[in-house]
């Protein structure tokens, strides 16, 4: 019986090590695939938060026609977002060509930082769009720069302090919730 227990433990150890190696392979593959999508976006189409702020103001003032697409999750968007931004979850980027028909339309993709935005922008370039921009720094960069955000509950507001992991401070956490 002791030999059997040792054999089972050894099997679980081998499976755990194999599982960790497979997970490391997946993480490396994700980095490689993400890099391919980053390469699809022309370098001059990656703009800073400050550049985007000027464009944002022009769009809201009606001086420029463009789409600002927030590709974060629903809870992230409902917590707060940049005024005037449309919301299309990164997993639903395939819906964009149905909504935006002109491949020359200016599109500004943003997420929390920029990781998901590169996936969305890369796919849009693959679809045939020609003027897709990634906002480097995303919504976090926007908030850190002191620019206002909105949500349907509080209206327009400025985030005074931003922490990546609110749960570590014990203050609060963004959780999945329904907006109404």
C-alpha atoms as a PDB file:
ATOM      1  CA  UNK A   1       0.000   0.000   0.000  1.00  0.00           C
ATOM      2  CA  UNK A   2       2.869   2.376   0.838  1.00  0.00           C
ATOM      3  CA  UNK A   3       4.408   1.705  -2.606  1.00  0.00           C
ATOM      4  CA  UNK A   4       1.072   2.532  -4.240  1.00  0.00           C
ATOM      5  CA  UNK A   5       0.840   5.848  -2.331  1.00  0.00           C
ATOM      6  CA  UNK A   6       4.381   6.753  -3.362  1.00  0.00           C
ATOM      7  CA  UNK A   7       3.594   5.892  -6.989  1.00  0.00           C
ATOM      8  CA  UNK A   8       0.421   8.017  -6.931  1.00  0.00           C
ATOM      9  CA  UNK A   9       2.311  10.934  -5.346  1.00  0.00           C
ATOM     10  CA  UNK A  10       5.054  10.610  -7.959  1.00  0.00           C
ATOM     11  CA  UNK A  11       2.435  10.573 -10.733  1.00  0.00           C
ATOM     12  CA  UNK A  12       0.789  13.726  -9.372  1.00  0.00           C
ATOM     13  CA  UNK A  13       4.202  15.391  -9.097  1.00  0.00           C
ATOM     14  CA  UNK A  14       5.016  14.535 -12.729  1.00  0.00           C
ATOM     15  CA  UNK A  15       1.593  15.773 -13.821  1.00  0.00           C
ATOM     16  CA  UNK A  16       2.019  19.001 -11.837  1.00  0.00           C
ATOM     17  CA  UNK A  17       5.442  19.665 -13.334  1.00  0.00           C
ATOM     18  CA  UNK A  18       4.109  18.888 -16.818  1.00  0.00           C
ATOM     19  CA  UNK A  19       1.146  21.173 -16.165  1.00  0.00           C
ATOM     20  CA  UNK A  20       3.421  24.009 -15.033  1.00  0.00           C
ATOM     21  CA  UNK A  21       5.589  23.544 -18.125  1.00  0.00           C
ATOM     22  CA  UNK A  22       2.493  23.589 -20.330  1.00  0.00           C
ATOM     23  CA  UNK A  23       1.281  26.758 -18.599  1.00  0.00           C
ATOM     24  CA  UNK A  24       4.673  28.388 -19.146  1.00  0.00           C
ATOM     25  CA  UNK A  25       4.483  27.380 -22.828  1.00  0.00           C
ATOM     26  CA  UNK A  26       1.021  28.937 -23.082  1.00  0.00           C
ATOM     27  CA  UNK A  27       2.229  32.157 -21.452  1.00  0.00           C
ATOM     28  CA  UNK A  28       5.190  32.305 -23.846  1.00  0.00           C
ATOM     29  CA  UNK A  29       2.868  31.618 -26.785  1.00  0.00           C
ATOM     30  CA  UNK A  30       0.513  34.401 -25.689  1.00  0.00           C
ATOM     31  CA  UNK A  31       3.440  36.825 -25.620  1.00  0.00           C
ATOM     32  CA  UNK A  32       4.463  35.686 -29.086  1.00  0.00           C
ATOM     33  CA  UNK A  33       0.947  36.030 -30.504  1.00  0.00           C
ATOM     34  CA  UNK A  34       0.502  39.425 -28.845  1.00  0.00           C
ATOM     35  CA  UNK A  35       3.775  40.551 -30.393  1.00  0.00           C
ATOM     36  CA  UNK A  36       2.401  39.621 -33.833  1.00  0.00           C
ATOM     37  CA  UNK A  37      -0.622  41.846 -33.225  1.00  0.00           C
ATOM     38  CA  UNK A  38       1.570  44.697 -31.979  1.00  0.00           C
ATOM     39  CA  UNK A  39       3.525  44.434 -35.244  1.00  0.00           C
ATOM     40  CA  UNK A  40       0.295  44.810 -37.258  1.00  0.00           C
ATOM     41  CA  UNK A  41      -0.238  48.303 -35.841  1.00  0.00           C
ATOM     42  CA  UNK A  42       1.954  50.938 -37.521  1.00  0.00           C
ATOM     43  CA  UNK A  43       4.229  52.634 -34.987  1.00  0.00           C
ATOM     44  CA  UNK A  44       2.820  56.080 -35.862  1.00  0.00           C
ATOM     45  CA  UNK A  45      -0.646  54.815 -34.899  1.00  0.00           C
ATOM     46  CA  UNK A  46       0.315  54.367 -31.234  1.00  0.00           C
ATOM     47  CA  UNK A  47      -0.417  57.642 -29.472  1.00  0.00           C
ATOM     48  CA  UNK A  48       0.101  58.958 -25.960  1.00  0.00           C
ATOM     49  CA  UNK A  49      -2.673  59.807 -23.526  1.00  0.00           C
ATOM     50  CA  UNK A  50      -1.823  63.505 -23.969  1.00  0.00           C
ATOM     51  CA  UNK A  51      -2.213  63.251 -27.762  1.00  0.00           C
ATOM     52  CA  UNK A  52      -5.471  61.377 -27.291  1.00  0.00           C
ATOM     53  CA  UNK A  53      -6.760  64.049 -24.872  1.00  0.00           C
ATOM     54  CA  UNK A  54      -6.486  66.674 -27.633  1.00  0.00           C
ATOM     55  CA  UNK A  55      -8.242  64.368 -30.106  1.00  0.00           C
ATOM     56  CA  UNK A  56     -10.906  63.493 -27.504  1.00  0.00           C
ATOM     57  CA  UNK A  57     -11.661  67.171 -26.933  1.00  0.00           C
ATOM     58  CA  UNK A  58     -11.990  67.742 -30.695  1.00  0.00           C
ATOM     59  CA  UNK A  59     -14.360  64.768 -31.016  1.00  0.00           C
ATOM     60  CA  UNK A  60     -16.575  65.955 -28.141  1.00  0.00           C
ATOM     61  CA  UNK A  61     -16.603  69.508 -29.557  1.00  0.00           C
ATOM     62  CA  UNK A  62     -17.759  68.154 -32.944  1.00  0.00           C
ATOM     63  CA  UNK A  63     -14.581  69.297 -34.707  1.00  0.00           C
ATOM     64  CA  UNK A  64     -13.458  65.759 -35.552  1.00  0.00           C
ATOM     65  CA  UNK A  65     -15.335  62.606 -36.472  1.00  0.00           C
ATOM     66  CA  UNK A  66     -13.908  59.416 -35.033  1.00  0.00           C
ATOM     67  CA  UNK A  67     -14.786  56.433 -32.872  1.00  0.00           C
ATOM     68  CA  UNK A  68     -13.333  56.004 -29.405  1.00  0.00           C
ATOM     69  CA  UNK A  69     -13.697  52.334 -28.549  1.00  0.00           C
ATOM     70  CA  UNK A  70     -13.219  51.141 -24.989  1.00  0.00           C
ATOM     71  CA  UNK A  71     -12.501  47.416 -25.253  1.00  0.00           C
ATOM     72  CA  UNK A  72     -12.395  46.639 -21.531  1.00  0.00           C
ATOM     73  CA  UNK A  73     -14.829  44.267 -19.841  1.00  0.00           C
ATOM     74  CA  UNK A  74     -18.358  45.305 -18.918  1.00  0.00           C
ATOM     75  CA  UNK A  75     -17.574  45.754 -15.188  1.00  0.00           C
ATOM     76  CA  UNK A  76     -14.536  47.888 -16.011  1.00  0.00           C
ATOM     77  CA  UNK A  77     -16.571  50.068 -18.376  1.00  0.00           C
ATOM     78  CA  UNK A  78     -19.506  50.436 -15.973  1.00  0.00           C
ATOM     79  CA  UNK A  79     -17.170  51.408 -13.118  1.00  0.00           C
ATOM     80  CA  UNK A  80     -15.934  54.363 -15.175  1.00  0.00           C
ATOM     81  CA  UNK A  81     -14.918  55.230 -18.708  1.00  0.00           C
ATOM     82  CA  UNK A  82     -13.803  58.155 -20.828  1.00  0.00           C
ATOM     83  CA  UNK A  83     -16.680  60.415 -21.810  1.00  0.00           C
ATOM     84  CA  UNK A  84     -17.939  59.731 -25.322  1.00  0.00           C
ATOM     85  CA  UNK A  85     -16.309  56.314 -25.611  1.00  0.00           C
ATOM     86  CA  UNK A  86     -18.222  53.486 -27.228  1.00  0.00           C
ATOM     87  CA  UNK A  87     -17.979  50.106 -25.536  1.00  0.00           C
ATOM     88  CA  UNK A  88     -17.151  46.945 -27.434  1.00  0.00           C
ATOM     89  CA  UNK A  89     -15.654  44.215 -25.264  1.00  0.00           C
ATOM     90  CA  UNK A  90     -12.343  42.957 -26.737  1.00  0.00           C
ATOM     91  CA  UNK A  91     -13.884  39.516 -27.180  1.00  0.00           C
ATOM     92  CA  UNK A  92     -16.526  41.015 -29.462  1.00  0.00           C
ATOM     93  CA  UNK A  93     -14.240  42.938 -31.801  1.00  0.00           C
ATOM     94  CA  UNK A  94     -15.626  40.941 -34.726  1.00  0.00           C
ATOM     95  CA  UNK A  95     -18.780  43.097 -34.449  1.00  0.00           C
ATOM     96  CA  UNK A  96     -16.934  46.315 -35.327  1.00  0.00           C
ATOM     97  CA  UNK A  97     -16.972  45.844 -39.137  1.00  0.00           C
ATOM     98  CA  UNK A  98     -20.765  45.441 -38.930  1.00  0.00           C
ATOM     99  CA  UNK A  99     -21.065  48.760 -37.091  1.00  0.00           C
ATOM    100  CA  UNK A 100     -18.328  50.788 -38.831  1.00  0.00           C
ATOM    101  CA  UNK A 101     -18.499  50.313 -42.595  1.00  0.00           C
ATOM    102  CA  UNK A 102     -15.857  52.792 -43.823  1.00  0.00           C
ATOM    103  CA  UNK A 103     -12.319  51.307 -43.631  1.00  0.00           C
ATOM    104  CA  UNK A 104     -10.857  54.844 -43.551  1.00  0.00           C
ATOM    105  CA  UNK A 105     -12.723  55.866 -40.379  1.00  0.00           C
ATOM    106  CA  UNK A 106     -10.546  57.034 -37.498  1.00  0.00           C
ATOM    107  CA  UNK A 107     -10.796  54.580 -34.609  1.00  0.00           C
ATOM    108  CA  UNK A 108      -9.094  54.995 -31.230  1.00  0.00           C
ATOM    109  CA  UNK A 109      -8.837  51.736 -29.271  1.00  0.00           C
ATOM    110  CA  UNK A 110      -8.274  51.827 -25.550  1.00  0.00           C
ATOM    111  CA  UNK A 111      -8.331  49.337 -22.719  1.00  0.00           C
ATOM    112  CA  UNK A 112      -6.963  49.410 -19.183  1.00  0.00           C
ATOM    113  CA  UNK A 113      -3.348  49.941 -20.327  1.00  0.00           C
ATOM    114  CA  UNK A 114      -2.803  48.889 -23.950  1.00  0.00           C
ATOM    115  CA  UNK A 115      -2.534  45.085 -24.078  1.00  0.00           C
ATOM    116  CA  UNK A 116      -6.078  44.315 -25.290  1.00  0.00           C
ATOM    117  CA  UNK A 117      -6.084  47.410 -27.495  1.00  0.00           C
ATOM    118  CA  UNK A 118      -3.277  45.942 -29.587  1.00  0.00           C
ATOM    119  CA  UNK A 119      -5.308  42.769 -30.141  1.00  0.00           C
ATOM    120  CA  UNK A 120      -8.335  44.794 -31.219  1.00  0.00           C
ATOM    121  CA  UNK A 121      -6.331  47.195 -33.386  1.00  0.00           C
ATOM    122  CA  UNK A 122      -4.381  44.319 -34.955  1.00  0.00           C
ATOM    123  CA  UNK A 123      -7.589  42.523 -35.882  1.00  0.00           C
ATOM    124  CA  UNK A 124      -9.050  45.730 -37.292  1.00  0.00           C
ATOM    125  CA  UNK A 125      -5.982  46.149 -39.493  1.00  0.00           C
ATOM    126  CA  UNK A 126      -6.402  42.521 -40.607  1.00  0.00           C
ATOM    127  CA  UNK A 127     -10.059  43.281 -41.411  1.00  0.00           C
ATOM    128  CA  UNK A 128      -8.907  46.142 -43.662  1.00  0.00           C
ATOM    129  CA  UNK A 129      -9.254  49.257 -41.522  1.00  0.00           C
ATOM    130  CA  UNK A 130      -6.525  51.822 -42.161  1.00  0.00           C
ATOM    131  CA  UNK A 131      -6.758  54.443 -39.387  1.00  0.00           C
ATOM    132  CA  UNK A 132      -6.810  52.540 -36.114  1.00  0.00           C
ATOM    133  CA  UNK A 133      -4.899  54.043 -33.211  1.00  0.00           C
ATOM    134  CA  UNK A 134      -3.886  52.508 -29.887  1.00  0.00           C
ATOM    135  CA  UNK A 135      -3.964  54.799 -26.863  1.00  0.00           C
ATOM    136  CA  UNK A 136      -0.737  53.949 -25.054  1.00  0.00           C
ATOM    137  CA  UNK A 137      -1.448  53.937 -21.336  1.00  0.00           C
ATOM    138  CA  UNK A 138      -5.171  53.417 -21.827  1.00  0.00           C
ATOM    139  CA  UNK A 139      -7.730  54.379 -19.229  1.00  0.00           C
ATOM    140  CA  UNK A 140      -5.184  53.993 -16.416  1.00  0.00           C
ATOM    141  CA  UNK A 141      -2.903  56.533 -18.111  1.00  0.00           C
ATOM    142  CA  UNK A 142      -5.891  58.830 -18.622  1.00  0.00           C
ATOM    143  CA  UNK A 143      -6.831  58.654 -14.933  1.00  0.00           C
ATOM    144  CA  UNK A 144      -3.226  59.086 -13.771  1.00  0.00           C
ATOM    145  CA  UNK A 145      -2.976  62.220 -15.947  1.00  0.00           C
ATOM    146  CA  UNK A 146      -5.904  63.648 -13.965  1.00  0.00           C
ATOM    147  CA  UNK A 147      -8.418  63.659 -16.813  1.00  0.00           C
ATOM    148  CA  UNK A 148     -12.096  63.131 -15.951  1.00  0.00           C
ATOM    149  CA  UNK A 149     -14.045  59.922 -16.379  1.00  0.00           C
ATOM    150  CA  UNK A 150     -17.765  59.194 -16.235  1.00  0.00           C
ATOM    151  CA  UNK A 151     -20.256  56.541 -15.252  1.00  0.00           C
ATOM    152  CA  UNK A 152     -24.019  56.429 -15.202  1.00  0.00           C
ATOM    153  CA  UNK A 153     -24.206  56.744 -11.416  1.00  0.00           C
ATOM    154  CA  UNK A 154     -21.825  59.591 -10.579  1.00  0.00           C
ATOM    155  CA  UNK A 155     -21.692  61.447 -13.891  1.00  0.00           C
ATOM    156  CA  UNK A 156     -18.348  63.123 -14.559  1.00  0.00           C
ATOM    157  CA  UNK A 157     -15.603  62.861 -11.948  1.00  0.00           C
ATOM    158  CA  UNK A 158     -11.843  62.741 -11.450  1.00  0.00           C
ATOM    159  CA  UNK A 159     -10.145  59.827  -9.727  1.00  0.00           C
ATOM    160  CA  UNK A 160      -8.009  61.308  -6.946  1.00  0.00           C
ATOM    161  CA  UNK A 161      -5.786  58.288  -6.397  1.00  0.00           C
ATOM    162  CA  UNK A 162      -5.344  55.148  -8.480  1.00  0.00           C
ATOM    163  CA  UNK A 163      -4.062  51.809  -7.160  1.00  0.00           C
ATOM    164  CA  UNK A 164      -3.772  48.781  -9.384  1.00  0.00           C
ATOM    165  CA  UNK A 165      -4.953  46.389  -6.657  1.00  0.00           C
ATOM    166  CA  UNK A 166      -7.602  48.008  -4.509  1.00  0.00           C
ATOM    167  CA  UNK A 167      -8.247  44.707  -2.756  1.00  0.00           C
ATOM    168  CA  UNK A 168      -4.771  44.842  -1.185  1.00  0.00           C
ATOM    169  CA  UNK A 169      -5.579  48.145   0.494  1.00  0.00           C
ATOM    170  CA  UNK A 170      -8.795  46.727   1.918  1.00  0.00           C
ATOM    171  CA  UNK A 171     -10.685  49.767   0.627  1.00  0.00           C
ATOM    172  CA  UNK A 172     -12.808  48.275  -2.150  1.00  0.00           C
ATOM    173  CA  UNK A 173     -12.677  46.201  -5.312  1.00  0.00           C
ATOM    174  CA  UNK A 174     -14.283  46.455  -8.712  1.00  0.00           C
ATOM    175  CA  UNK A 175     -16.639  43.510  -8.955  1.00  0.00           C
ATOM    176  CA  UNK A 176     -18.956  42.139 -11.590  1.00  0.00           C
ATOM    177  CA  UNK A 177     -22.246  43.943 -11.228  1.00  0.00           C
ATOM    178  CA  UNK A 178     -25.231  44.917 -13.291  1.00  0.00           C
ATOM    179  CA  UNK A 179     -25.443  48.653 -13.936  1.00  0.00           C
ATOM    180  CA  UNK A 180     -29.125  49.025 -13.095  1.00  0.00           C
END
